[in-house]
Amino acid sequence: MNRMKFRAAVAKSGAMETETISKNGRSSKSQMSRGYFFAKVCFVVLSVLFFSSCQNNDKIIGTWERYGDVLEGMRIKVVKEGEHLKGTIIYSTDFSKERGFAEGDVKWKNIKKMTDAKYEYEDLKKTRVPYSDLFEPSYGLSNLELVSENEIYTRVFSKGTEYVGTEQKWKRVKDE
């Protein structure tokens, strides 16, 4: 029997130990709990990472209010729709309405995350049709930067992909 190895599993204080008796009669014990504990920790960490990546953790989702320019007070609500985000006007000031912006208009569409704090999207513009009270809507390529949890700066490109154009500032407000 001295050439055979004998293994006995012993439950000891919740940890699984393995005792091996070798051919020379010496015994060695190793705790399986270290490997088991490490495997459990890895499983938990990977599960948390997986589930957090599945969650919609886009920091710009919520309600935003424009400030610092003539359209100050306009509010949009950013939501996830399909693969992209969109921002719909939920409150339009009288001045914004005079410029053609109505509640329900999609102000920001096809919002795509470029980096953790930078996005690209299409911004709604309204141009008054000459000699009428009508406005012609169009969308222009724009950049959005989340400068803090509660503040966004946007820049509408004036031509193509030049980084010049109209700037807008938005602050987060409580959802209504």
N, C-alpha and C. Protein backbone atom coordinates (compact mmCIF):
# COMPACT_ATOMS: atom_id res chain seq x y z
N MET A 1 0.81 -1.19 0.00
CA MET A 1 0.00 0.00 0.00
C MET A 1 0.85 1.25 0.00
N ASN A 2 2.17 1.10 0.30
CA ASN A 2 3.01 2.28 0.35
C ASN A 2 3.28 2.88 -1.03
N ARG A 3 3.04 2.14 -2.10
CA ARG A 3 3.23 2.68 -3.45
C ARG A 3 1.97 3.40 -3.94
N MET A 4 0.87 3.16 -3.34
CA MET A 4 -0.37 3.79 -3.78
C MET A 4 -0.59 5.10 -3.04
N LYS A 5 -1.22 5.98 -3.71
CA LYS A 5 -1.56 7.26 -3.07
C LYS A 5 -2.97 7.15 -2.52
N PHE A 6 -3.11 7.68 -1.35
CA PHE A 6 -4.41 7.65 -0.73
C PHE A 6 -4.86 9.09 -0.53
N ARG A 7 -6.02 9.37 -0.98
CA ARG A 7 -6.54 10.74 -0.85
C ARG A 7 -7.80 10.70 -0.01
N ALA A 8 -7.84 11.56 0.92
CA ALA A 8 -9.02 11.65 1.77
C ALA A 8 -9.46 13.11 1.82
N ALA A 9 -10.69 13.31 1.54
CA ALA A 9 -11.23 14.67 1.61
C ALA A 9 -11.82 14.85 2.99
N VAL A 10 -11.38 15.85 3.66
CA VAL A 10 -11.82 16.10 5.01
C VAL A 10 -12.43 17.50 5.05
N ALA A 11 -13.62 17.56 5.57
CA ALA A 11 -14.25 18.87 5.72
C ALA A 11 -13.74 19.47 7.02
N LYS A 12 -13.10 20.59 6.94
CA LYS A 12 -12.53 21.20 8.12
C LYS A 12 -12.81 22.71 8.06
N SER A 13 -13.57 23.19 8.96
CA SER A 13 -13.96 24.60 9.08
C SER A 13 -14.42 25.18 7.75
N GLY A 14 -15.21 24.44 7.01
CA GLY A 14 -15.80 24.94 5.78
C GLY A 14 -14.86 24.90 4.59
N ALA A 15 -13.60 24.53 4.79
CA ALA A 15 -12.65 24.48 3.69
C ALA A 15 -12.39 23.02 3.34
N MET A 16 -12.19 22.75 2.09
CA MET A 16 -11.93 21.39 1.63
C MET A 16 -10.43 21.18 1.63
N GLU A 17 -9.97 20.16 2.35
CA GLU A 17 -8.56 19.83 2.36
C GLU A 17 -8.36 18.51 1.66
N THR A 18 -7.23 18.38 1.03
CA THR A 18 -6.87 17.10 0.42
C THR A 18 -5.59 16.63 1.07
N GLU A 19 -5.60 15.38 1.52
CA GLU A 19 -4.40 14.81 2.12
C GLU A 19 -3.89 13.73 1.17
N THR A 20 -2.63 13.86 0.80
CA THR A 20 -2.02 12.88 -0.09
C THR A 20 -0.93 12.15 0.68
N ILE A 21 -1.00 10.83 0.65
CA ILE A 21 0.03 10.02 1.28
C ILE A 21 0.83 9.40 0.16
N SER A 22 2.11 9.75 0.11
CA SER A 22 2.95 9.29 -0.99
C SER A 22 3.57 7.94 -0.67
N LYS A 23 4.34 7.40 -1.60
CA LYS A 23 4.91 6.07 -1.44
C LYS A 23 5.92 5.99 -0.30
N ASN A 24 6.50 7.12 0.07
CA ASN A 24 7.45 7.08 1.18
C ASN A 24 6.78 7.33 2.52
N GLY A 25 5.45 7.41 2.53
CA GLY A 25 4.70 7.51 3.76
C GLY A 25 4.49 8.93 4.26
N ARG A 26 5.04 9.89 3.58
CA ARG A 26 4.85 11.28 4.00
C ARG A 26 3.49 11.77 3.52
N SER A 27 2.92 12.63 4.29
CA SER A 27 1.63 13.18 3.88
C SER A 27 1.79 14.67 3.60
N SER A 28 1.03 15.14 2.64
CA SER A 28 1.02 16.58 2.36
C SER A 28 -0.42 17.02 2.25
N LYS A 29 -0.70 18.18 2.85
CA LYS A 29 -2.04 18.72 2.82
C LYS A 29 -2.04 20.01 2.00
N SER A 30 -3.05 20.19 1.22
CA SER A 30 -3.19 21.46 0.49
C SER A 30 -4.63 21.89 0.61
N GLN A 31 -4.84 23.14 0.75
CA GLN A 31 -6.20 23.64 0.86
C GLN A 31 -6.73 23.96 -0.52
N MET A 32 -7.85 23.34 -0.83
CA MET A 32 -8.50 23.62 -2.10
C MET A 32 -9.27 24.94 -2.03
N SER A 33 -9.44 25.46 -0.83
CA SER A 33 -10.25 26.66 -0.68
C SER A 33 -9.61 27.87 -1.35
N ARG A 34 -8.28 27.94 -1.44
CA ARG A 34 -7.63 29.08 -2.09
C ARG A 34 -8.03 29.16 -3.55
N GLY A 35 -7.91 28.06 -4.24
CA GLY A 35 -8.31 28.03 -5.65
C GLY A 35 -9.79 28.27 -5.83
N TYR A 36 -10.57 27.68 -4.95
CA TYR A 36 -12.03 27.84 -5.00
C TYR A 36 -12.40 29.30 -4.73
N PHE A 37 -11.76 29.91 -3.71
CA PHE A 37 -12.01 31.30 -3.37
C PHE A 37 -11.63 32.20 -4.54
N PHE A 38 -10.46 31.97 -5.13
CA PHE A 38 -10.01 32.76 -6.28
C PHE A 38 -10.98 32.63 -7.45
N ALA A 39 -11.45 31.42 -7.70
CA ALA A 39 -12.40 31.21 -8.79
C ALA A 39 -13.71 31.95 -8.52
N LYS A 40 -14.17 31.93 -7.27
CA LYS A 40 -15.40 32.66 -6.92
C LYS A 40 -15.23 34.16 -7.11
N VAL A 41 -14.09 34.69 -6.67
CA VAL A 41 -13.83 36.12 -6.80
C VAL A 41 -13.79 36.51 -8.28
N CYS A 42 -13.10 35.71 -9.08
CA CYS A 42 -13.05 35.99 -10.52
C CYS A 42 -14.44 35.95 -11.14
N PHE A 43 -15.23 34.99 -10.76
CA PHE A 43 -16.58 34.88 -11.29
C PHE A 43 -17.41 36.11 -10.93
N VAL A 44 -17.34 36.54 -9.68
CA VAL A 44 -18.10 37.71 -9.24
C VAL A 44 -17.65 38.96 -9.98
N VAL A 45 -16.34 39.17 -10.08
CA VAL A 45 -15.82 40.35 -10.77
C VAL A 45 -16.23 40.36 -12.23
N LEU A 46 -16.07 39.24 -12.92
CA LEU A 46 -16.46 39.16 -14.32
C LEU A 46 -17.97 39.35 -14.50
N SER A 47 -18.75 38.81 -13.58
CA SER A 47 -20.21 38.99 -13.65
C SER A 47 -20.59 40.45 -13.51
N VAL A 48 -19.97 41.14 -12.56
CA VAL A 48 -20.27 42.56 -12.35
C VAL A 48 -19.88 43.36 -13.58
N LEU A 49 -18.70 43.09 -14.14
CA LEU A 49 -18.27 43.80 -15.35
C LEU A 49 -19.22 43.53 -16.52
N PHE A 50 -19.62 42.30 -16.68
CA PHE A 50 -20.53 41.95 -17.78
C PHE A 50 -21.86 42.65 -17.64
N PHE A 51 -22.46 42.56 -16.45
CA PHE A 51 -23.77 43.15 -16.26
C PHE A 51 -23.72 44.67 -16.30
N SER A 52 -22.63 45.27 -15.84
CA SER A 52 -22.55 46.73 -15.91
C SER A 52 -22.36 47.19 -17.35
N SER A 53 -21.70 46.39 -18.18
CA SER A 53 -21.56 46.77 -19.58
C SER A 53 -22.86 46.59 -20.34
N CYS A 54 -23.72 45.70 -19.88
CA CYS A 54 -25.02 45.51 -20.52
C CYS A 54 -25.98 46.62 -20.15
N GLN A 55 -25.77 47.23 -19.01
CA GLN A 55 -26.66 48.29 -18.57
C GLN A 55 -26.40 49.53 -19.40
N ASN A 56 -27.44 50.34 -19.54
CA ASN A 56 -27.27 51.58 -20.26
C ASN A 56 -26.67 52.60 -19.30
N ASN A 57 -25.38 52.81 -19.40
CA ASN A 57 -24.71 53.72 -18.49
C ASN A 57 -24.32 55.00 -19.20
N ASP A 58 -25.06 55.39 -20.24
CA ASP A 58 -24.77 56.63 -20.94
C ASP A 58 -25.06 57.80 -20.03
N LYS A 59 -24.04 58.61 -19.85
CA LYS A 59 -24.12 59.70 -18.89
C LYS A 59 -24.97 60.87 -19.37
N ILE A 60 -25.31 60.92 -20.66
CA ILE A 60 -26.09 62.07 -21.15
C ILE A 60 -27.59 61.80 -21.14
N ILE A 61 -28.00 60.59 -20.78
CA ILE A 61 -29.43 60.31 -20.70
C ILE A 61 -30.02 61.13 -19.55
N GLY A 62 -31.12 61.82 -19.83
CA GLY A 62 -31.76 62.65 -18.83
C GLY A 62 -32.31 63.91 -19.46
N THR A 63 -32.63 64.89 -18.61
CA THR A 63 -33.22 66.15 -19.05
C THR A 63 -32.19 67.26 -18.95
N TRP A 64 -32.10 68.07 -20.01
CA TRP A 64 -31.11 69.13 -20.12
C TRP A 64 -31.79 70.45 -20.47
N GLU A 65 -31.28 71.54 -19.89
CA GLU A 65 -31.82 72.87 -20.16
C GLU A 65 -30.72 73.76 -20.75
N ARG A 66 -31.06 74.41 -21.85
CA ARG A 66 -30.12 75.30 -22.54
C ARG A 66 -29.99 76.59 -21.74
N TYR A 67 -28.76 77.15 -21.72
CA TYR A 67 -28.53 78.42 -21.02
C TYR A 67 -27.43 79.21 -21.71
N GLY A 68 -27.42 80.52 -21.42
CA GLY A 68 -26.34 81.37 -21.90
C GLY A 68 -26.50 81.94 -23.30
N ASP A 69 -27.66 81.78 -23.92
CA ASP A 69 -27.88 82.37 -25.25
C ASP A 69 -29.36 82.72 -25.42
N VAL A 70 -29.75 83.15 -26.61
CA VAL A 70 -31.12 83.63 -26.83
C VAL A 70 -32.17 82.52 -26.71
N LEU A 71 -31.77 81.26 -26.85
CA LEU A 71 -32.73 80.15 -26.72
C LEU A 71 -32.69 79.53 -25.32
N GLU A 72 -32.17 80.29 -24.38
CA GLU A 72 -32.08 79.85 -22.98
C GLU A 72 -33.46 79.43 -22.47
N GLY A 73 -33.48 78.33 -21.74
CA GLY A 73 -34.73 77.84 -21.16
C GLY A 73 -35.32 76.65 -21.89
N MET A 74 -34.91 76.44 -23.15
CA MET A 74 -35.38 75.26 -23.89
C MET A 74 -34.91 74.01 -23.14
N ARG A 75 -35.77 73.01 -23.06
CA ARG A 75 -35.40 71.75 -22.40
C ARG A 75 -35.55 70.59 -23.36
N ILE A 76 -34.60 69.67 -23.29
CA ILE A 76 -34.69 68.45 -24.08
C ILE A 76 -34.52 67.26 -23.15
N LYS A 77 -35.10 66.15 -23.57
CA LYS A 77 -34.95 64.90 -22.82
C LYS A 77 -34.24 63.91 -23.73
N VAL A 78 -33.09 63.40 -23.27
CA VAL A 78 -32.30 62.44 -24.03
C VAL A 78 -32.66 61.04 -23.56
N VAL A 79 -33.02 60.18 -24.52
CA VAL A 79 -33.39 58.80 -24.24
C VAL A 79 -32.70 57.89 -25.25
N LYS A 80 -32.63 56.62 -24.89
CA LYS A 80 -32.09 55.62 -25.83
C LYS A 80 -33.22 55.13 -26.71
N GLU A 81 -32.96 55.12 -28.00
CA GLU A 81 -33.93 54.62 -28.97
C GLU A 81 -33.19 53.73 -29.95
N GLY A 82 -33.39 52.42 -29.82
CA GLY A 82 -32.66 51.49 -30.68
C GLY A 82 -31.19 51.51 -30.32
N GLU A 83 -30.34 51.66 -31.33
CA GLU A 83 -28.90 51.66 -31.13
C GLU A 83 -28.36 53.04 -30.73
N HIS A 84 -29.14 54.08 -30.94
CA HIS A 84 -28.67 55.44 -30.71
C HIS A 84 -29.48 56.14 -29.63
N LEU A 85 -29.01 57.31 -29.26
CA LEU A 85 -29.72 58.17 -28.34
C LEU A 85 -30.35 59.29 -29.15
N LYS A 86 -31.41 59.88 -28.60
CA LYS A 86 -32.01 61.05 -29.23
C LYS A 86 -32.49 62.00 -28.16
N GLY A 87 -32.52 63.29 -28.50
CA GLY A 87 -32.98 64.32 -27.58
C GLY A 87 -34.19 65.05 -28.16
N THR A 88 -35.30 64.99 -27.45
CA THR A 88 -36.55 65.60 -27.91
C THR A 88 -36.87 66.82 -27.05
N ILE A 89 -37.34 67.89 -27.69
CA ILE A 89 -37.71 69.10 -26.97
C ILE A 89 -38.95 68.80 -26.13
N ILE A 90 -38.83 69.03 -24.81
CA ILE A 90 -39.98 68.82 -23.92
C ILE A 90 -40.53 70.15 -23.39
N TYR A 91 -39.74 71.22 -23.55
CA TYR A 91 -40.23 72.55 -23.19
C TYR A 91 -39.57 73.56 -24.11
N SER A 92 -40.38 74.40 -24.71
CA SER A 92 -39.90 75.44 -25.61
C SER A 92 -40.40 76.79 -25.10
N THR A 93 -39.49 77.74 -24.92
CA THR A 93 -39.89 79.07 -24.48
C THR A 93 -40.63 79.78 -25.61
N ASP A 94 -41.27 80.87 -25.28
CA ASP A 94 -41.97 81.65 -26.31
C ASP A 94 -41.01 82.08 -27.41
N PHE A 95 -39.81 82.52 -27.01
CA PHE A 95 -38.82 82.95 -28.00
C PHE A 95 -38.40 81.78 -28.89
N SER A 96 -38.22 80.58 -28.30
CA SER A 96 -37.87 79.39 -29.08
C SER A 96 -38.98 79.04 -30.06
N LYS A 97 -40.23 79.18 -29.61
CA LYS A 97 -41.37 78.89 -30.49
C LYS A 97 -41.41 79.86 -31.66
N GLU A 98 -41.08 81.14 -31.40
CA GLU A 98 -41.04 82.12 -32.48
C GLU A 98 -39.96 81.78 -33.50
N ARG A 99 -38.96 81.02 -33.09
CA ARG A 99 -37.88 80.60 -33.99
C ARG A 99 -38.14 79.22 -34.60
N GLY A 100 -39.36 78.69 -34.37
CA GLY A 100 -39.77 77.45 -35.01
C GLY A 100 -39.56 76.18 -34.22
N PHE A 101 -39.03 76.27 -33.00
CA PHE A 101 -38.77 75.07 -32.19
C PHE A 101 -39.99 74.76 -31.33
N ALA A 102 -40.58 73.60 -31.56
CA ALA A 102 -41.81 73.21 -30.85
C ALA A 102 -41.54 72.00 -29.96
N GLU A 103 -42.33 71.87 -28.92
CA GLU A 103 -42.24 70.69 -28.07
C GLU A 103 -42.59 69.47 -28.91
N GLY A 104 -41.78 68.43 -28.75
CA GLY A 104 -41.96 67.22 -29.55
C GLY A 104 -40.97 67.12 -30.71
N ASP A 105 -40.35 68.25 -31.08
CA ASP A 105 -39.32 68.21 -32.13
C ASP A 105 -38.12 67.41 -31.63
N VAL A 106 -37.54 66.60 -32.51
CA VAL A 106 -36.30 65.89 -32.17
C VAL A 106 -35.15 66.86 -32.43
N LYS A 107 -34.58 67.40 -31.36
CA LYS A 107 -33.50 68.39 -31.46
C LYS A 107 -32.18 67.73 -31.76
N TRP A 108 -31.88 66.62 -31.08
CA TRP A 108 -30.63 65.86 -31.31
C TRP A 108 -31.01 64.46 -31.76
N LYS A 109 -30.45 64.01 -32.87
CA LYS A 109 -30.72 62.64 -33.31
C LYS A 109 -29.43 61.93 -33.69
N ASN A 110 -29.52 60.60 -33.76
CA ASN A 110 -28.36 59.76 -34.10
C ASN A 110 -27.14 60.10 -33.25
N ILE A 111 -27.34 60.22 -31.95
CA ILE A 111 -26.25 60.52 -31.04
C ILE A 111 -25.37 59.28 -30.91
N LYS A 112 -24.10 59.44 -31.23
CA LYS A 112 -23.15 58.32 -31.18
C LYS A 112 -22.01 58.67 -30.24
N LYS A 113 -21.72 57.77 -29.33
CA LYS A 113 -20.63 57.96 -28.38
C LYS A 113 -19.31 57.75 -29.10
N MET A 114 -18.41 58.73 -29.02
CA MET A 114 -17.10 58.63 -29.65
C MET A 114 -16.04 58.23 -28.62
N THR A 115 -16.07 58.89 -27.47
CA THR A 115 -15.21 58.54 -26.33
C THR A 115 -16.09 58.61 -25.09
N ASP A 116 -15.48 58.50 -23.93
CA ASP A 116 -16.26 58.49 -22.70
C ASP A 116 -17.06 59.78 -22.51
N ALA A 117 -16.53 60.91 -22.98
CA ALA A 117 -17.20 62.19 -22.75
C ALA A 117 -17.54 62.94 -24.03
N LYS A 118 -17.26 62.36 -25.19
CA LYS A 118 -17.51 63.05 -26.46
C LYS A 118 -18.47 62.25 -27.33
N TYR A 119 -19.37 62.98 -27.97
CA TYR A 119 -20.40 62.38 -28.81
C TYR A 119 -20.48 63.16 -30.11
N GLU A 120 -21.01 62.50 -31.13
CA GLU A 120 -21.31 63.14 -32.39
C GLU A 120 -22.80 62.93 -32.64
N TYR A 121 -23.47 63.93 -33.19
CA TYR A 121 -24.91 63.82 -33.40
C TYR A 121 -25.34 64.80 -34.48
N GLU A 122 -26.61 64.73 -34.84
CA GLU A 122 -27.18 65.66 -35.79
C GLU A 122 -28.11 66.60 -35.03
N ASP A 123 -27.88 67.91 -35.19
CA ASP A 123 -28.62 68.93 -34.45
C ASP A 123 -29.66 69.58 -35.36
N LEU A 124 -30.86 69.73 -34.83
CA LEU A 124 -31.96 70.35 -35.58
C LEU A 124 -31.74 71.86 -35.70
N LYS A 125 -31.85 72.34 -36.94
CA LYS A 125 -31.80 73.78 -37.21
C LYS A 125 -33.13 74.15 -37.85
N LYS A 126 -33.57 75.37 -37.60
CA LYS A 126 -34.80 75.86 -38.22
C LYS A 126 -34.46 77.16 -38.96
N THR A 127 -34.82 77.21 -40.24
CA THR A 127 -34.58 78.39 -41.06
C THR A 127 -35.92 78.92 -41.54
N ARG A 128 -36.14 80.20 -41.30
CA ARG A 128 -37.41 80.81 -41.72
C ARG A 128 -37.48 80.89 -43.24
N VAL A 129 -38.60 80.44 -43.78
CA VAL A 129 -38.85 80.55 -45.22
C VAL A 129 -39.16 82.02 -45.50
N PRO A 130 -38.44 82.64 -46.46
CA PRO A 130 -38.67 84.07 -46.73
C PRO A 130 -40.14 84.39 -47.02
N TYR A 131 -40.58 85.52 -46.47
CA TYR A 131 -41.93 86.06 -46.68
C TYR A 131 -43.03 85.12 -46.17
N SER A 132 -42.73 84.38 -45.08
CA SER A 132 -43.76 83.51 -44.50
C SER A 132 -43.48 83.30 -43.02
N ASP A 133 -44.41 82.62 -42.37
CA ASP A 133 -44.23 82.25 -40.97
C ASP A 133 -43.77 80.80 -40.83
N LEU A 134 -43.38 80.20 -41.94
CA LEU A 134 -42.97 78.80 -41.94
C LEU A 134 -41.46 78.68 -41.71
N PHE A 135 -41.07 77.54 -41.14
CA PHE A 135 -39.66 77.25 -40.90
C PHE A 135 -39.30 75.95 -41.60
N GLU A 136 -38.14 75.94 -42.20
CA GLU A 136 -37.66 74.73 -42.86
C GLU A 136 -36.66 74.04 -41.93
N PRO A 137 -36.97 72.80 -41.53
CA PRO A 137 -36.04 72.09 -40.64
C PRO A 137 -34.90 71.43 -41.43
N SER A 138 -33.75 71.37 -40.80
CA SER A 138 -32.62 70.63 -41.36
C SER A 138 -31.74 70.19 -40.19
N TYR A 139 -30.93 69.21 -40.45
CA TYR A 139 -30.03 68.71 -39.41
C TYR A 139 -28.59 68.91 -39.85
N GLY A 140 -27.74 69.33 -38.90
CA GLY A 140 -26.33 69.52 -39.18
C GLY A 140 -25.48 68.72 -38.21
N LEU A 141 -24.37 68.21 -38.70
CA LEU A 141 -23.45 67.43 -37.89
C LEU A 141 -22.89 68.28 -36.76
N SER A 142 -22.85 67.71 -35.56
CA SER A 142 -22.43 68.46 -34.38
C SER A 142 -21.61 67.59 -33.43
N ASN A 143 -20.88 68.24 -32.56
CA ASN A 143 -20.13 67.58 -31.49
C ASN A 143 -20.75 67.94 -30.16
N LEU A 144 -20.71 67.00 -29.24
CA LEU A 144 -21.21 67.21 -27.89
C LEU A 144 -20.13 66.75 -26.94
N GLU A 145 -19.86 67.56 -25.93
CA GLU A 145 -18.88 67.17 -24.92
C GLU A 145 -19.50 67.28 -23.54
N LEU A 146 -19.42 66.21 -22.80
CA LEU A 146 -19.88 66.18 -21.42
C LEU A 146 -18.72 66.71 -20.58
N VAL A 147 -18.82 67.98 -20.15
CA VAL A 147 -17.71 68.59 -19.42
C VAL A 147 -17.76 68.28 -17.93
N SER A 148 -18.93 67.92 -17.43
CA SER A 148 -19.09 67.43 -16.06
C SER A 148 -20.36 66.59 -16.05
N GLU A 149 -20.68 65.99 -14.93
CA GLU A 149 -21.90 65.18 -14.83
C GLU A 149 -23.14 65.98 -15.18
N ASN A 150 -23.08 67.29 -14.97
CA ASN A 150 -24.26 68.13 -15.10
C ASN A 150 -24.13 69.24 -16.14
N GLU A 151 -23.16 69.14 -17.04
CA GLU A 151 -22.98 70.20 -18.03
C GLU A 151 -22.49 69.64 -19.36
N ILE A 152 -23.13 70.12 -20.43
CA ILE A 152 -22.79 69.73 -21.79
C ILE A 152 -22.48 70.98 -22.60
N TYR A 153 -21.45 70.91 -23.43
CA TYR A 153 -21.19 71.94 -24.43
C TYR A 153 -21.35 71.27 -25.79
N THR A 154 -22.02 71.96 -26.70
CA THR A 154 -22.14 71.43 -28.06
C THR A 154 -21.60 72.45 -29.04
N ARG A 155 -21.19 71.97 -30.19
CA ARG A 155 -20.72 72.84 -31.26
C ARG A 155 -21.28 72.28 -32.57
N VAL A 156 -22.03 73.13 -33.25
CA VAL A 156 -22.60 72.76 -34.55
C VAL A 156 -21.59 73.16 -35.61
N PHE A 157 -21.22 72.21 -36.47
CA PHE A 157 -20.27 72.52 -37.54
C PHE A 157 -20.90 73.50 -38.52
N SER A 158 -20.11 74.47 -38.97
CA SER A 158 -20.65 75.41 -39.94
C SER A 158 -20.56 74.85 -41.36
N LYS A 159 -19.48 74.14 -41.66
CA LYS A 159 -19.34 73.52 -42.98
C LYS A 159 -18.65 72.17 -42.80
N GLY A 160 -19.27 71.14 -43.25
CA GLY A 160 -18.65 69.82 -43.21
C GLY A 160 -18.16 69.45 -41.83
N THR A 161 -16.87 69.14 -41.73
CA THR A 161 -16.32 68.70 -40.46
C THR A 161 -15.40 69.74 -39.83
N GLU A 162 -15.47 71.00 -40.28
CA GLU A 162 -14.67 72.04 -39.64
C GLU A 162 -15.12 72.19 -38.20
N TYR A 163 -14.18 72.46 -37.33
CA TYR A 163 -14.53 72.60 -35.92
C TYR A 163 -14.77 74.07 -35.59
N VAL A 164 -15.70 74.66 -36.29
CA VAL A 164 -16.17 76.01 -35.99
C VAL A 164 -17.68 75.99 -36.07
N GLY A 165 -18.32 76.95 -35.48
CA GLY A 165 -19.77 76.99 -35.57
C GLY A 165 -20.41 77.49 -34.30
N THR A 166 -21.69 77.26 -34.18
CA THR A 166 -22.48 77.74 -33.06
C THR A 166 -22.27 76.87 -31.83
N GLU A 167 -21.98 77.50 -30.72
CA GLU A 167 -21.84 76.77 -29.46
C GLU A 167 -23.13 76.87 -28.66
N GLN A 168 -23.42 75.80 -27.94
CA GLN A 168 -24.57 75.76 -27.05
C GLN A 168 -24.11 75.19 -25.71
N LYS A 169 -24.72 75.67 -24.64
CA LYS A 169 -24.42 75.14 -23.30
C LYS A 169 -25.72 74.61 -22.71
N TRP A 170 -25.62 73.45 -22.07
CA TRP A 170 -26.78 72.79 -21.48
C TRP A 170 -26.42 72.33 -20.07
N LYS A 171 -27.37 72.47 -19.15
CA LYS A 171 -27.16 71.97 -17.79
C LYS A 171 -28.24 70.93 -17.49
N ARG A 172 -27.84 69.94 -16.70
CA ARG A 172 -28.78 68.88 -16.32
C ARG A 172 -29.79 69.44 -15.33
N VAL A 173 -31.07 69.05 -15.54
CA VAL A 173 -32.12 69.40 -14.59
C VAL A 173 -32.82 68.11 -14.19
N LYS A 174 -33.56 68.15 -13.11
CA LYS A 174 -34.27 66.95 -12.65
C LYS A 174 -35.32 66.55 -13.67
N ASP A 175 -35.45 65.24 -13.89
CA ASP A 175 -36.46 64.73 -14.80
C ASP A 175 -37.85 65.09 -14.29
N GLU A 176 -38.71 65.42 -15.23
CA GLU A 176 -40.08 65.78 -14.86
C GLU A 176 -40.99 64.59 -14.96
